[in-house]
Amino acid sequence: MDNTAVDRFDTSRFETSRNRLASLAYRLLGSAADAQDAVQDAFLHWQAADRQRIAVPEAWLTKVVTNLCLDRLRSAQARRERTVGAWLPEPLLDGDPMLGPADTFELRESVSLAMLTLMERLSPVERAVYLLREAFSYGHAEIAEMLDITESASQQHLHRARTRLTTARRRRAEVDPASARRIVEEFLDAATSGRTERLVALLTDDVIAISDSNGAGLAEKLLQYDTPQRVAAVARGGFRPTPTKRRLAGGAPALHYAVVNGAPAILFVLGDQVIGAVTFDIANGKIATMRGIAAPTRLVRLTEAWRHHGPDTPLIAEW
């Protein structure tokens, strides 16, 4: 086999792993754009490597991507962005290959916005060990080799990660899709009609609402609201259309129901552009968490996926 044929074959071997690597990188970084960059960097490492000496390409590539992601998480810029309260994970539309397989509860949970946010409490190594073990089922010996740590250290990192996540985790159970949609539609009807009492009844007692405030200004800052009354007031104000909101949006968007990172969501769509997303965590038949994401940089991939989405009937045709 000549060199050109070898290069084509090796490129093909990498491409068969691309989606799995991107899925791992997204879980580690919470950003689709950063995940794509990490995978592309891994491809450059793959091209430069002596591939004949790589016994198990999948393990080698997983190690490279994991460590590239850890470098990003440890960077001064990432620490600064993630410690000033300005960070929310980048949402992905159901069916996006970067979400990876959803065969087990662990895989589905590891890509939820709730879990991606919680994992910010972990150190980069704890995050990597937790995901490699819990979501991708690697053994501690394999993880130790990938991260250049001992098996004992891998076990300790996993224990600490589980403890921190269990302590911080809000209750989350898988919800029947039809029930989730019904709850979100009831919420939207109550919010747009200004029915505060009905809104409060749809929220858990410890509900939290988080918004990226549109990413407006030089520095983003997350806005957070708690108590059913405060969240209901914010939802009522946020979901009620006004001429000013339409002017700022550039028109009257349609509101669509969608599934984002495994959770029910409402998308604000203007033309073929997603200009906002509100996701919902459901617990015991009520809304436990709402996340509003409107920063354009966080909606790029979601918009691209939406453009290939099959036509559906909007919840509200012109908001």
C-alpha atoms as a PDB file:
ATOM      1  CA  MET A   1       0.000   0.000   0.000  1.00  0.00           C
ATOM      2  CA  ASP A   2       1.496   3.357  -1.055  1.00  0.00           C
ATOM      3  CA  ASN A   3       1.692   6.355   1.270  1.00  0.00           C
ATOM      4  CA  THR A   4      -1.350   8.063  -0.254  1.00  0.00           C
ATOM      5  CA  ALA A   5      -3.474   4.965   0.270  1.00  0.00           C
ATOM      6  CA  VAL A   6      -2.167   4.621   3.840  1.00  0.00           C
ATOM      7  CA  ASP A   7      -3.081   8.252   4.581  1.00  0.00           C
ATOM      8  CA  ARG A   8      -6.570   7.727   3.185  1.00  0.00           C
ATOM      9  CA  PHE A   9      -6.998   4.580   5.260  1.00  0.00           C
ATOM     10  CA  ASP A  10      -5.768   6.268   8.442  1.00  0.00           C
ATOM     11  CA  THR A  11      -7.980   9.297   7.816  1.00  0.00           C
ATOM     12  CA  SER A  12     -10.933   6.958   7.433  1.00  0.00           C
ATOM     13  CA  ARG A  13     -10.045   5.267  10.731  1.00  0.00           C
ATOM     14  CA  PHE A  14     -10.084   8.660  12.442  1.00  0.00           C
ATOM     15  CA  GLU A  15     -13.392   9.669  10.872  1.00  0.00           C
ATOM     16  CA  THR A  16     -15.087   6.544  12.208  1.00  0.00           C
ATOM     17  CA  SER A  17     -14.187   7.772  15.702  1.00  0.00           C
ATOM     18  CA  ARG A  18     -14.973  11.465  15.159  1.00  0.00           C
ATOM     19  CA  ASN A  19     -18.522  11.475  16.559  1.00  0.00           C
ATOM     20  CA  ARG A  20     -17.525   9.482  19.643  1.00  0.00           C
ATOM     21  CA  LEU A  21     -14.574  11.782  20.285  1.00  0.00           C
ATOM     22  CA  ALA A  22     -16.746  14.872  19.812  1.00  0.00           C
ATOM     23  CA  SER A  23     -19.295  13.433  22.227  1.00  0.00           C
ATOM     24  CA  LEU A  24     -16.599  12.950  24.872  1.00  0.00           C
ATOM     25  CA  ALA A  25     -15.125  16.415  24.257  1.00  0.00           C
ATOM     26  CA  TYR A  26     -18.547  18.063  24.532  1.00  0.00           C
ATOM     27  CA  ARG A  27     -19.222  16.362  27.854  1.00  0.00           C
ATOM     28  CA  LEU A  28     -15.851  17.505  29.149  1.00  0.00           C
ATOM     29  CA  LEU A  29     -16.094  21.097  27.908  1.00  0.00           C
ATOM     30  CA  GLY A  30     -19.819  21.840  27.719  1.00  0.00           C
ATOM     31  CA  SER A  31     -19.169  23.720  24.480  1.00  0.00           C
ATOM     32  CA  ALA A  32     -19.768  22.348  21.005  1.00  0.00           C
ATOM     33  CA  ALA A  33     -17.392  24.857  19.414  1.00  0.00           C
ATOM     34  CA  ASP A  34     -14.579  23.980  21.819  1.00  0.00           C
ATOM     35  CA  ALA A  35     -15.297  20.278  21.379  1.00  0.00           C
ATOM     36  CA  GLN A  36     -14.963  20.601  17.598  1.00  0.00           C
ATOM     37  CA  ASP A  37     -11.650  22.421  18.039  1.00  0.00           C
ATOM     38  CA  ALA A  38     -10.348  19.700  20.370  1.00  0.00           C
ATOM     39  CA  VAL A  39     -11.288  16.952  17.921  1.00  0.00           C
ATOM     40  CA  GLN A  40      -9.661  18.800  15.036  1.00  0.00           C
ATOM     41  CA  ASP A  41      -6.496  19.239  17.113  1.00  0.00           C
ATOM     42  CA  ALA A  42      -6.598  15.501  17.823  1.00  0.00           C
ATOM     43  CA  PHE A  43      -6.739  14.854  14.079  1.00  0.00           C
ATOM     44  CA  LEU A  44      -3.568  16.910  13.617  1.00  0.00           C
ATOM     45  CA  HIS A  45      -1.883  14.850  16.360  1.00  0.00           C
ATOM     46  CA  TRP A  46      -3.074  11.686  14.595  1.00  0.00           C
ATOM     47  CA  GLN A  47      -1.626  12.814  11.279  1.00  0.00           C
ATOM     48  CA  ALA A  48       1.716  13.660  12.888  1.00  0.00           C
ATOM     49  CA  ALA A  49       1.979  10.414  14.869  1.00  0.00           C
ATOM     50  CA  ASP A  50       3.758   7.230  13.865  1.00  0.00           C
ATOM     51  CA  ARG A  51       0.464   5.436  13.362  1.00  0.00           C
ATOM     52  CA  GLN A  52       2.073   2.070  12.716  1.00  0.00           C
ATOM     53  CA  ARG A  53       3.155   2.052  16.374  1.00  0.00           C
ATOM     54  CA  ILE A  54      -0.361   2.747  17.725  1.00  0.00           C
ATOM     55  CA  ALA A  55      -1.745  -0.606  18.783  1.00  0.00           C
ATOM     56  CA  VAL A  56      -5.267   0.517  19.726  1.00  0.00           C
ATOM     57  CA  PRO A  57      -6.253   3.678  17.821  1.00  0.00           C
ATOM     58  CA  GLU A  58      -9.501   4.187  19.749  1.00  0.00           C
ATOM     59  CA  ALA A  59      -7.715   4.274  23.112  1.00  0.00           C
ATOM     60  CA  TRP A  60      -4.935   6.484  21.728  1.00  0.00           C
ATOM     61  CA  LEU A  61      -7.381   8.999  20.279  1.00  0.00           C
ATOM     62  CA  THR A  62      -9.466   9.013  23.454  1.00  0.00           C
ATOM     63  CA  LYS A  63      -6.347   9.801  25.472  1.00  0.00           C
ATOM     64  CA  VAL A  64      -5.342  12.636  23.133  1.00  0.00           C
ATOM     65  CA  VAL A  65      -8.807  14.234  23.100  1.00  0.00           C
ATOM     66  CA  THR A  66      -9.205  13.926  26.862  1.00  0.00           C
ATOM     67  CA  ASN A  67      -5.896  15.617  27.537  1.00  0.00           C
ATOM     68  CA  LEU A  68      -6.532  18.358  24.979  1.00  0.00           C
ATOM     69  CA  CYS A  69      -9.812  19.060  26.767  1.00  0.00           C
ATOM     70  CA  LEU A  70      -8.092  19.086  30.161  1.00  0.00           C
ATOM     71  CA  ASP A  71      -5.616  21.653  28.816  1.00  0.00           C
ATOM     72  CA  ARG A  72      -8.554  23.849  27.818  1.00  0.00           C
ATOM     73  CA  LEU A  73     -10.280  23.452  31.187  1.00  0.00           C
ATOM     74  CA  ARG A  74      -7.075  24.402  32.982  1.00  0.00           C
ATOM     75  CA  SER A  75      -6.384  27.450  30.832  1.00  0.00           C
ATOM     76  CA  ALA A  76      -6.485  30.875  32.425  1.00  0.00           C
ATOM     77  CA  GLN A  77      -9.223  32.011  30.046  1.00  0.00           C
ATOM     78  CA  ALA A  78     -11.490  29.063  30.906  1.00  0.00           C
ATOM     79  CA  ARG A  79     -10.963  29.555  34.641  1.00  0.00           C
ATOM     80  CA  ARG A  80     -11.792  33.234  34.320  1.00  0.00           C
ATOM     81  CA  GLU A  81     -14.927  32.650  32.231  1.00  0.00           C
ATOM     82  CA  ARG A  82     -16.235  29.886  34.445  1.00  0.00           C
ATOM     83  CA  THR A  83     -15.644  31.540  37.795  1.00  0.00           C
ATOM     84  CA  VAL A  84     -17.393  34.858  37.248  1.00  0.00           C
ATOM     85  CA  GLY A  85     -20.836  33.265  36.981  1.00  0.00           C
ATOM     86  CA  ALA A  86     -21.081  33.831  33.250  1.00  0.00           C
ATOM     87  CA  TRP A  87     -21.181  30.268  31.970  1.00  0.00           C
ATOM     88  CA  LEU A  88     -23.954  27.982  30.819  1.00  0.00           C
ATOM     89  CA  PRO A  89     -23.430  24.854  28.721  1.00  0.00           C
ATOM     90  CA  GLU A  90     -24.068  25.139  24.997  1.00  0.00           C
ATOM     91  CA  PRO A  91     -27.459  23.538  24.191  1.00  0.00           C
ATOM     92  CA  LEU A  92     -27.757  20.875  21.496  1.00  0.00           C
ATOM     93  CA  LEU A  93     -30.874  19.752  19.637  1.00  0.00           C
ATOM     94  CA  ASP A  94     -32.064  16.186  20.063  1.00  0.00           C
ATOM     95  CA  GLY A  95     -30.432  13.973  17.436  1.00  0.00           C
ATOM     96  CA  ASP A  96     -27.197  15.961  17.250  1.00  0.00           C
ATOM     97  CA  PRO A  97     -24.392  13.374  16.852  1.00  0.00           C
ATOM     98  CA  MET A  98     -22.307  15.302  19.400  1.00  0.00           C
ATOM     99  CA  LEU A  99     -24.755  14.158  22.077  1.00  0.00           C
ATOM    100  CA  GLY A 100     -23.582  10.627  21.388  1.00  0.00           C
ATOM    101  CA  PRO A 101     -25.462   7.430  22.186  1.00  0.00           C
ATOM    102  CA  ALA A 102     -28.313   7.473  24.670  1.00  0.00           C
ATOM    103  CA  ASP A 103     -28.418   3.756  25.420  1.00  0.00           C
ATOM    104  CA  THR A 104     -28.147   4.070  29.203  1.00  0.00           C
ATOM    105  CA  PHE A 105     -29.370   6.468  31.875  1.00  0.00           C
ATOM    106  CA  GLU A 106     -25.735   7.365  32.649  1.00  0.00           C
ATOM    107  CA  LEU A 107     -25.105   8.421  29.041  1.00  0.00           C
ATOM    108  CA  ARG A 108     -28.309  10.441  28.899  1.00  0.00           C
ATOM    109  CA  GLU A 109     -27.677  12.099  32.254  1.00  0.00           C
ATOM    110  CA  SER A 110     -24.060  12.950  31.443  1.00  0.00           C
ATOM    111  CA  VAL A 111     -25.143  15.172  28.566  1.00  0.00           C
ATOM    112  CA  SER A 112     -28.009  16.943  30.328  1.00  0.00           C
ATOM    113  CA  LEU A 113     -27.560  20.664  30.905  1.00  0.00           C
ATOM    114  CA  ALA A 114     -28.104  19.990  34.606  1.00  0.00           C
ATOM    115  CA  MET A 115     -25.178  17.566  34.796  1.00  0.00           C
ATOM    116  CA  LEU A 116     -22.911  19.630  32.555  1.00  0.00           C
ATOM    117  CA  THR A 117     -23.488  22.570  34.886  1.00  0.00           C
ATOM    118  CA  LEU A 118     -22.931  20.481  38.012  1.00  0.00           C
ATOM    119  CA  MET A 119     -19.653  19.131  36.697  1.00  0.00           C
ATOM    120  CA  GLU A 120     -18.245  22.658  36.952  1.00  0.00           C
ATOM    121  CA  ARG A 121     -17.902  21.823  40.654  1.00  0.00           C
ATOM    122  CA  LEU A 122     -15.307  19.162  39.807  1.00  0.00           C
ATOM    123  CA  SER A 123     -11.636  19.613  39.089  1.00  0.00           C
ATOM    124  CA  PRO A 124     -10.689  18.910  35.447  1.00  0.00           C
ATOM    125  CA  VAL A 125      -9.215  15.502  36.361  1.00  0.00           C
ATOM    126  CA  GLU A 126     -12.240  14.545  38.462  1.00  0.00           C
ATOM    127  CA  ARG A 127     -14.468  15.497  35.568  1.00  0.00           C
ATOM    128  CA  ALA A 128     -12.458  13.385  33.132  1.00  0.00           C
ATOM    129  CA  VAL A 129     -12.332  10.343  35.414  1.00  0.00           C
ATOM    130  CA  TYR A 130     -16.049  10.563  36.151  1.00  0.00           C
ATOM    131  CA  LEU A 131     -17.039  10.742  32.491  1.00  0.00           C
ATOM    132  CA  LEU A 132     -14.600   8.117  31.262  1.00  0.00           C
ATOM    133  CA  ARG A 133     -15.781   5.699  33.947  1.00  0.00           C
ATOM    134  CA  GLU A 134     -19.500   6.452  34.310  1.00  0.00           C
ATOM    135  CA  ALA A 135     -20.482   7.471  30.788  1.00  0.00           C
ATOM    136  CA  PHE A 136     -17.927   5.628  28.631  1.00  0.00           C
ATOM    137  CA  SER A 137     -17.308   2.580  30.854  1.00  0.00           C
ATOM    138  CA  TYR A 138     -13.504   2.623  30.776  1.00  0.00           C
ATOM    139  CA  GLY A 139     -11.760   0.680  33.523  1.00  0.00           C
ATOM    140  CA  HIS A 140      -9.532   2.369  36.077  1.00  0.00           C
ATOM    141  CA  ALA A 141      -6.410   0.858  34.515  1.00  0.00           C
ATOM    142  CA  GLU A 142      -7.314   2.393  31.130  1.00  0.00           C
ATOM    143  CA  ILE A 143      -8.187   5.741  32.703  1.00  0.00           C
ATOM    144  CA  ALA A 144      -4.945   5.780  34.674  1.00  0.00           C
ATOM    145  CA  GLU A 145      -2.959   5.262  31.478  1.00  0.00           C
ATOM    146  CA  MET A 146      -4.900   7.980  29.627  1.00  0.00           C
ATOM    147  CA  LEU A 147      -4.440  10.567  32.370  1.00  0.00           C
ATOM    148  CA  ASP A 148      -0.965   9.488  33.497  1.00  0.00           C
ATOM    149  CA  ILE A 149      -2.114   8.762  37.054  1.00  0.00           C
ATOM    150  CA  THR A 150      -2.226   5.617  39.172  1.00  0.00           C
ATOM    151  CA  GLU A 151      -5.250   3.314  39.345  1.00  0.00           C
ATOM    152  CA  SER A 152      -5.604   4.222  42.997  1.00  0.00           C
ATOM    153  CA  ALA A 153      -5.685   7.917  42.122  1.00  0.00           C
ATOM    154  CA  SER A 154      -8.306   7.246  39.461  1.00  0.00           C
ATOM    155  CA  GLN A 155     -10.486   5.491  42.033  1.00  0.00           C
ATOM    156  CA  GLN A 156     -10.051   8.355  44.490  1.00  0.00           C
ATOM    157  CA  HIS A 157     -10.943  10.966  41.868  1.00  0.00           C
ATOM    158  CA  LEU A 158     -14.079   9.000  40.982  1.00  0.00           C
ATOM    159  CA  HIS A 159     -15.103   8.745  44.619  1.00  0.00           C
ATOM    160  CA  ARG A 160     -14.661  12.486  45.146  1.00  0.00           C
ATOM    161  CA  ALA A 161     -16.550  13.289  41.962  1.00  0.00           C
ATOM    162  CA  ARG A 162     -19.474  11.060  42.911  1.00  0.00           C
ATOM    163  CA  THR A 163     -19.601  12.574  46.395  1.00  0.00           C
ATOM    164  CA  ARG A 164     -19.578  16.161  45.114  1.00  0.00           C
ATOM    165  CA  LEU A 165     -22.192  15.485  42.456  1.00  0.00           C
ATOM    166  CA  THR A 166     -24.460  13.567  44.835  1.00  0.00           C
ATOM    167  CA  THR A 167     -24.277  16.383  47.385  1.00  0.00           C
ATOM    168  CA  ALA A 168     -25.076  19.068  44.817  1.00  0.00           C
ATOM    169  CA  ARG A 169     -27.464  17.180  42.550  1.00  0.00           C
ATOM    170  CA  ARG A 170     -31.067  18.253  42.487  1.00  0.00           C
ATOM    171  CA  ARG A 171     -33.568  15.480  42.053  1.00  0.00           C
ATOM    172  CA  ARG A 172     -33.870  14.492  38.429  1.00  0.00           C
ATOM    173  CA  ALA A 173     -35.882  11.626  37.017  1.00  0.00           C
ATOM    174  CA  GLU A 174     -36.645  10.626  33.478  1.00  0.00           C
ATOM    175  CA  VAL A 175     -40.003  12.010  32.406  1.00  0.00           C
ATOM    176  CA  ASP A 176     -42.440  10.591  29.899  1.00  0.00           C
ATOM    177  CA  PRO A 177     -42.066  12.699  26.719  1.00  0.00           C
ATOM    178  CA  ALA A 178     -45.795  13.282  26.376  1.00  0.00           C
ATOM    179  CA  SER A 179     -46.063  14.432  30.001  1.00  0.00           C
ATOM    180  CA  ALA A 180     -43.060  16.736  29.612  1.00  0.00           C
ATOM    181  CA  ARG A 181     -44.579  18.380  26.559  1.00  0.00           C
ATOM    182  CA  ARG A 182     -47.947  18.817  28.286  1.00  0.00           C
ATOM    183  CA  ILE A 183     -46.314  20.539  31.284  1.00  0.00           C
ATOM    184  CA  VAL A 184     -44.312  22.889  29.037  1.00  0.00           C
ATOM    185  CA  GLU A 185     -47.392  23.756  26.961  1.00  0.00           C
ATOM    186  CA  GLU A 186     -49.345  24.501  30.144  1.00  0.00           C
ATOM    187  CA  PHE A 187     -46.474  26.668  31.341  1.00  0.00           C
ATOM    188  CA  LEU A 188     -46.367  28.616  28.063  1.00  0.00           C
ATOM    189  CA  ASP A 189     -50.129  29.152  28.074  1.00  0.00           C
ATOM    190  CA  ALA A 190     -50.034  30.425  31.663  1.00  0.00           C
ATOM    191  CA  ALA A 191     -46.982  32.642  31.051  1.00  0.00           C
ATOM    192  CA  THR A 192     -48.279  34.308  27.892  1.00  0.00           C
ATOM    193  CA  SER A 193     -51.728  34.896  29.390  1.00  0.00           C
ATOM    194  CA  GLY A 194     -50.317  36.288  32.646  1.00  0.00           C
ATOM    195  CA  ARG A 195     -51.976  33.661  34.873  1.00  0.00           C
ATOM    196  CA  THR A 196     -49.618  33.935  37.831  1.00  0.00           C
ATOM    197  CA  GLU A 197     -51.435  31.492  40.112  1.00  0.00           C
ATOM    198  CA  ARG A 198     -51.386  28.808  37.427  1.00  0.00           C
ATOM    199  CA  LEU A 199     -47.687  29.465  36.819  1.00  0.00           C
ATOM    200  CA  VAL A 200     -46.851  29.088  40.517  1.00  0.00           C
ATOM    201  CA  ALA A 201     -48.781  25.807  40.620  1.00  0.00           C
ATOM    202  CA  LEU A 202     -46.590  24.426  37.812  1.00  0.00           C
ATOM    203  CA  LEU A 203     -43.341  25.125  39.707  1.00  0.00           C
ATOM    204  CA  THR A 204     -41.669  23.154  42.490  1.00  0.00           C
ATOM    205  CA  ASP A 205     -41.199  24.868  45.837  1.00  0.00           C
ATOM    206  CA  ASP A 206     -37.424  25.070  45.262  1.00  0.00           C
ATOM    207  CA  VAL A 207     -37.575  26.055  41.598  1.00  0.00           C
ATOM    208  CA  ILE A 208     -34.629  27.932  40.065  1.00  0.00           C
ATOM    209  CA  ALA A 209     -34.566  30.002  36.879  1.00  0.00           C
ATOM    210  CA  ILE A 210     -31.249  30.946  35.258  1.00  0.00           C
ATOM    211  CA  SER A 211     -30.690  33.247  32.290  1.00  0.00           C
ATOM    212  CA  ASP A 212     -27.586  34.315  30.406  1.00  0.00           C
ATOM    213  CA  SER A 213     -29.180  37.772  30.055  1.00  0.00           C
ATOM    214  CA  ASN A 214     -28.774  37.670  26.279  1.00  0.00           C
ATOM    215  CA  GLY A 215     -25.005  37.892  26.474  1.00  0.00           C
ATOM    216  CA  ALA A 216     -25.489  41.640  26.235  1.00  0.00           C
ATOM    217  CA  GLY A 217     -22.722  44.024  27.203  1.00  0.00           C
ATOM    218  CA  LEU A 218     -18.992  43.548  27.496  1.00  0.00           C
ATOM    219  CA  ALA A 219     -19.252  41.000  30.311  1.00  0.00           C
ATOM    220  CA  GLU A 220     -21.896  38.346  30.554  1.00  0.00           C
ATOM    221  CA  LYS A 221     -23.440  37.598  33.884  1.00  0.00           C
ATOM    222  CA  LEU A 222     -25.943  34.931  34.739  1.00  0.00           C
ATOM    223  CA  LEU A 223     -29.201  36.070  36.261  1.00  0.00           C
ATOM    224  CA  GLN A 224     -30.700  33.677  38.797  1.00  0.00           C
ATOM    225  CA  TYR A 225     -34.126  33.650  40.405  1.00  0.00           C
ATOM    226  CA  ASP A 226     -35.641  31.397  43.031  1.00  0.00           C
ATOM    227  CA  THR A 227     -38.987  30.890  44.820  1.00  0.00           C
ATOM    228  CA  PRO A 228     -42.076  30.065  42.747  1.00  0.00           C
ATOM    229  CA  GLN A 229     -43.396  33.621  43.029  1.00  0.00           C
ATOM    230  CA  ARG A 230     -40.227  35.278  41.699  1.00  0.00           C
ATOM    231  CA  VAL A 231     -39.798  32.734  38.902  1.00  0.00           C
ATOM    232  CA  ALA A 232     -43.472  33.081  37.921  1.00  0.00           C
ATOM    233  CA  ALA A 233     -43.099  36.871  37.770  1.00  0.00           C
ATOM    234  CA  VAL A 234     -39.977  36.601  35.609  1.00  0.00           C
ATOM    235  CA  ALA A 235     -41.626  34.043  33.313  1.00  0.00           C
ATOM    236  CA  ARG A 236     -44.759  36.129  32.965  1.00  0.00           C
ATOM    237  CA  GLY A 237     -42.698  39.171  32.016  1.00  0.00           C
ATOM    238  CA  GLY A 238     -40.285  37.274  29.792  1.00  0.00           C
ATOM    239  CA  PHE A 239     -42.853  35.335  27.784  1.00  0.00           C
ATOM    240  CA  ARG A 240     -45.310  38.167  27.225  1.00  0.00           C
ATOM    241  CA  PRO A 241     -44.696  39.661  23.772  1.00  0.00           C
ATOM    242  CA  THR A 242     -44.350  43.410  23.392  1.00  0.00           C
ATOM    243  CA  PRO A 243     -43.556  45.725  20.464  1.00  0.00           C
ATOM    244  CA  THR A 244     -40.196  46.522  22.055  1.00  0.00           C
ATOM    245  CA  LYS A 245     -39.235  42.843  22.266  1.00  0.00           C
ATOM    246  CA  ARG A 246     -40.227  42.305  18.650  1.00  0.00           C
ATOM    247  CA  ARG A 247     -38.210  45.314  17.569  1.00  0.00           C
ATOM    248  CA  LEU A 248     -35.134  44.064  19.421  1.00  0.00           C
ATOM    249  CA  ALA A 249     -35.612  40.559  17.997  1.00  0.00           C
ATOM    250  CA  GLY A 250     -36.031  41.889  14.464  1.00  0.00           C
ATOM    251  CA  GLY A 251     -39.550  40.558  14.095  1.00  0.00           C
ATOM    252  CA  ALA A 252     -42.120  38.263  15.645  1.00  0.00           C
ATOM    253  CA  PRO A 253     -40.485  34.869  16.244  1.00  0.00           C
ATOM    254  CA  ALA A 254     -42.329  31.571  16.248  1.00  0.00           C
ATOM    255  CA  LEU A 255     -42.197  29.494  19.427  1.00  0.00           C
ATOM    256  CA  HIS A 256     -41.509  25.810  18.900  1.00  0.00           C
ATOM    257  CA  TYR A 257     -41.421  22.838  21.241  1.00  0.00           C
ATOM    258  CA  ALA A 258     -38.163  20.886  21.065  1.00  0.00           C
ATOM    259  CA  VAL A 259     -35.997  18.449  22.993  1.00  0.00           C
ATOM    260  CA  VAL A 260     -32.616  19.907  23.935  1.00  0.00           C
ATOM    261  CA  ASN A 261     -29.944  17.822  25.699  1.00  0.00           C
ATOM    262  CA  GLY A 262     -32.664  15.321  26.558  1.00  0.00           C
ATOM    263  CA  ALA A 263     -34.913  17.912  28.207  1.00  0.00           C
ATOM    264  CA  PRO A 264     -38.075  19.671  26.998  1.00  0.00           C
ATOM    265  CA  ALA A 265     -37.496  23.146  25.619  1.00  0.00           C
ATOM    266  CA  ILE A 266     -39.104  26.107  23.914  1.00  0.00           C
ATOM    267  CA  LEU A 267     -37.187  27.624  21.000  1.00  0.00           C
ATOM    268  CA  PHE A 268     -37.683  31.175  19.751  1.00  0.00           C
ATOM    269  CA  VAL A 269     -37.179  30.940  15.977  1.00  0.00           C
ATOM    270  CA  LEU A 270     -37.046  33.913  13.617  1.00  0.00           C
ATOM    271  CA  GLY A 271     -36.901  32.761  10.020  1.00  0.00           C
ATOM    272  CA  ASP A 272     -34.406  29.909  10.205  1.00  0.00           C
ATOM    273  CA  GLN A 273     -32.477  31.380  13.132  1.00  0.00           C
ATOM    274  CA  VAL A 274     -32.848  30.230  16.733  1.00  0.00           C
ATOM    275  CA  ILE A 275     -32.611  33.424  18.758  1.00  0.00           C
ATOM    276  CA  GLY A 276     -33.407  31.941  22.167  1.00  0.00           C
ATOM    277  CA  ALA A 277     -33.913  28.675  23.993  1.00  0.00           C
ATOM    278  CA  VAL A 278     -35.573  27.940  27.321  1.00  0.00           C
ATOM    279  CA  THR A 279     -35.028  24.468  28.724  1.00  0.00           C
ATOM    280  CA  PHE A 280     -36.919  22.794  31.563  1.00  0.00           C
ATOM    281  CA  ASP A 281     -36.021  20.171  34.144  1.00  0.00           C
ATOM    282  CA  ILE A 282     -39.139  18.345  35.326  1.00  0.00           C
ATOM    283  CA  ALA A 283     -39.492  16.735  38.765  1.00  0.00           C
ATOM    284  CA  ASN A 284     -42.632  15.086  40.126  1.00  0.00           C
ATOM    285  CA  GLY A 285     -44.792  16.590  37.424  1.00  0.00           C
ATOM    286  CA  LYS A 286     -43.571  20.154  37.983  1.00  0.00           C
ATOM    287  CA  ILE A 287     -40.854  22.442  36.639  1.00  0.00           C
ATOM    288  CA  ALA A 288     -37.769  22.370  38.884  1.00  0.00           C
ATOM    289  CA  THR A 289     -35.285  24.332  36.773  1.00  0.00           C
ATOM    290  CA  MET A 290     -35.525  26.715  33.827  1.00  0.00           C
ATOM    291  CA  ARG A 291     -32.522  27.854  31.791  1.00  0.00           C
ATOM    292  CA  GLY A 292     -32.791  30.720  29.348  1.00  0.00           C
ATOM    293  CA  ILE A 293     -30.057  30.913  26.717  1.00  0.00           C
ATOM    294  CA  ALA A 294     -30.003  33.760  24.215  1.00  0.00           C
ATOM    295  CA  ALA A 295     -26.303  34.551  23.703  1.00  0.00           C
ATOM    296  CA  PRO A 296     -25.794  34.101  19.917  1.00  0.00           C
ATOM    297  CA  THR A 297     -22.447  32.315  20.380  1.00  0.00           C
ATOM    298  CA  ARG A 298     -24.187  29.542  22.330  1.00  0.00           C
ATOM    299  CA  LEU A 299     -26.891  29.013  19.705  1.00  0.00           C
ATOM    300  CA  VAL A 300     -24.781  28.544  16.560  1.00  0.00           C
ATOM    301  CA  ARG A 301     -24.840  24.745  16.424  1.00  0.00           C
ATOM    302  CA  LEU A 302     -28.443  24.581  17.640  1.00  0.00           C
ATOM    303  CA  THR A 303     -29.445  26.878  14.778  1.00  0.00           C
ATOM    304  CA  GLU A 304     -27.544  24.742  12.263  1.00  0.00           C
ATOM    305  CA  ALA A 305     -29.346  21.632  13.500  1.00  0.00           C
ATOM    306  CA  TRP A 306     -32.708  23.403  13.473  1.00  0.00           C
ATOM    307  CA  ARG A 307     -32.284  24.311   9.797  1.00  0.00           C
ATOM    308  CA  HIS A 308     -32.213  20.583   9.026  1.00  0.00           C
ATOM    309  CA  HIS A 309     -35.096  19.880  11.395  1.00  0.00           C
ATOM    310  CA  GLY A 310     -38.299  18.612   9.832  1.00  0.00           C
ATOM    311  CA  PRO A 311     -41.223  21.064   9.702  1.00  0.00           C
ATOM    312  CA  ASP A 312     -43.519  21.083  12.685  1.00  0.00           C
ATOM    313  CA  THR A 313     -46.449  23.122  13.944  1.00  0.00           C
ATOM    314  CA  PRO A 314     -45.252  25.921  16.246  1.00  0.00           C
ATOM    315  CA  LEU A 315     -46.786  26.389  19.665  1.00  0.00           C
ATOM    316  CA  ILE A 316     -47.154  30.058  18.753  1.00  0.00           C
ATOM    317  CA  ALA A 317     -46.822  31.067  15.106  1.00  0.00           C
ATOM    318  CA  GLU A 318     -46.124  34.755  15.744  1.00  0.00           C
ATOM    319  CA  TRP A 319     -45.096  35.707  19.268  1.00  0.00           C
END
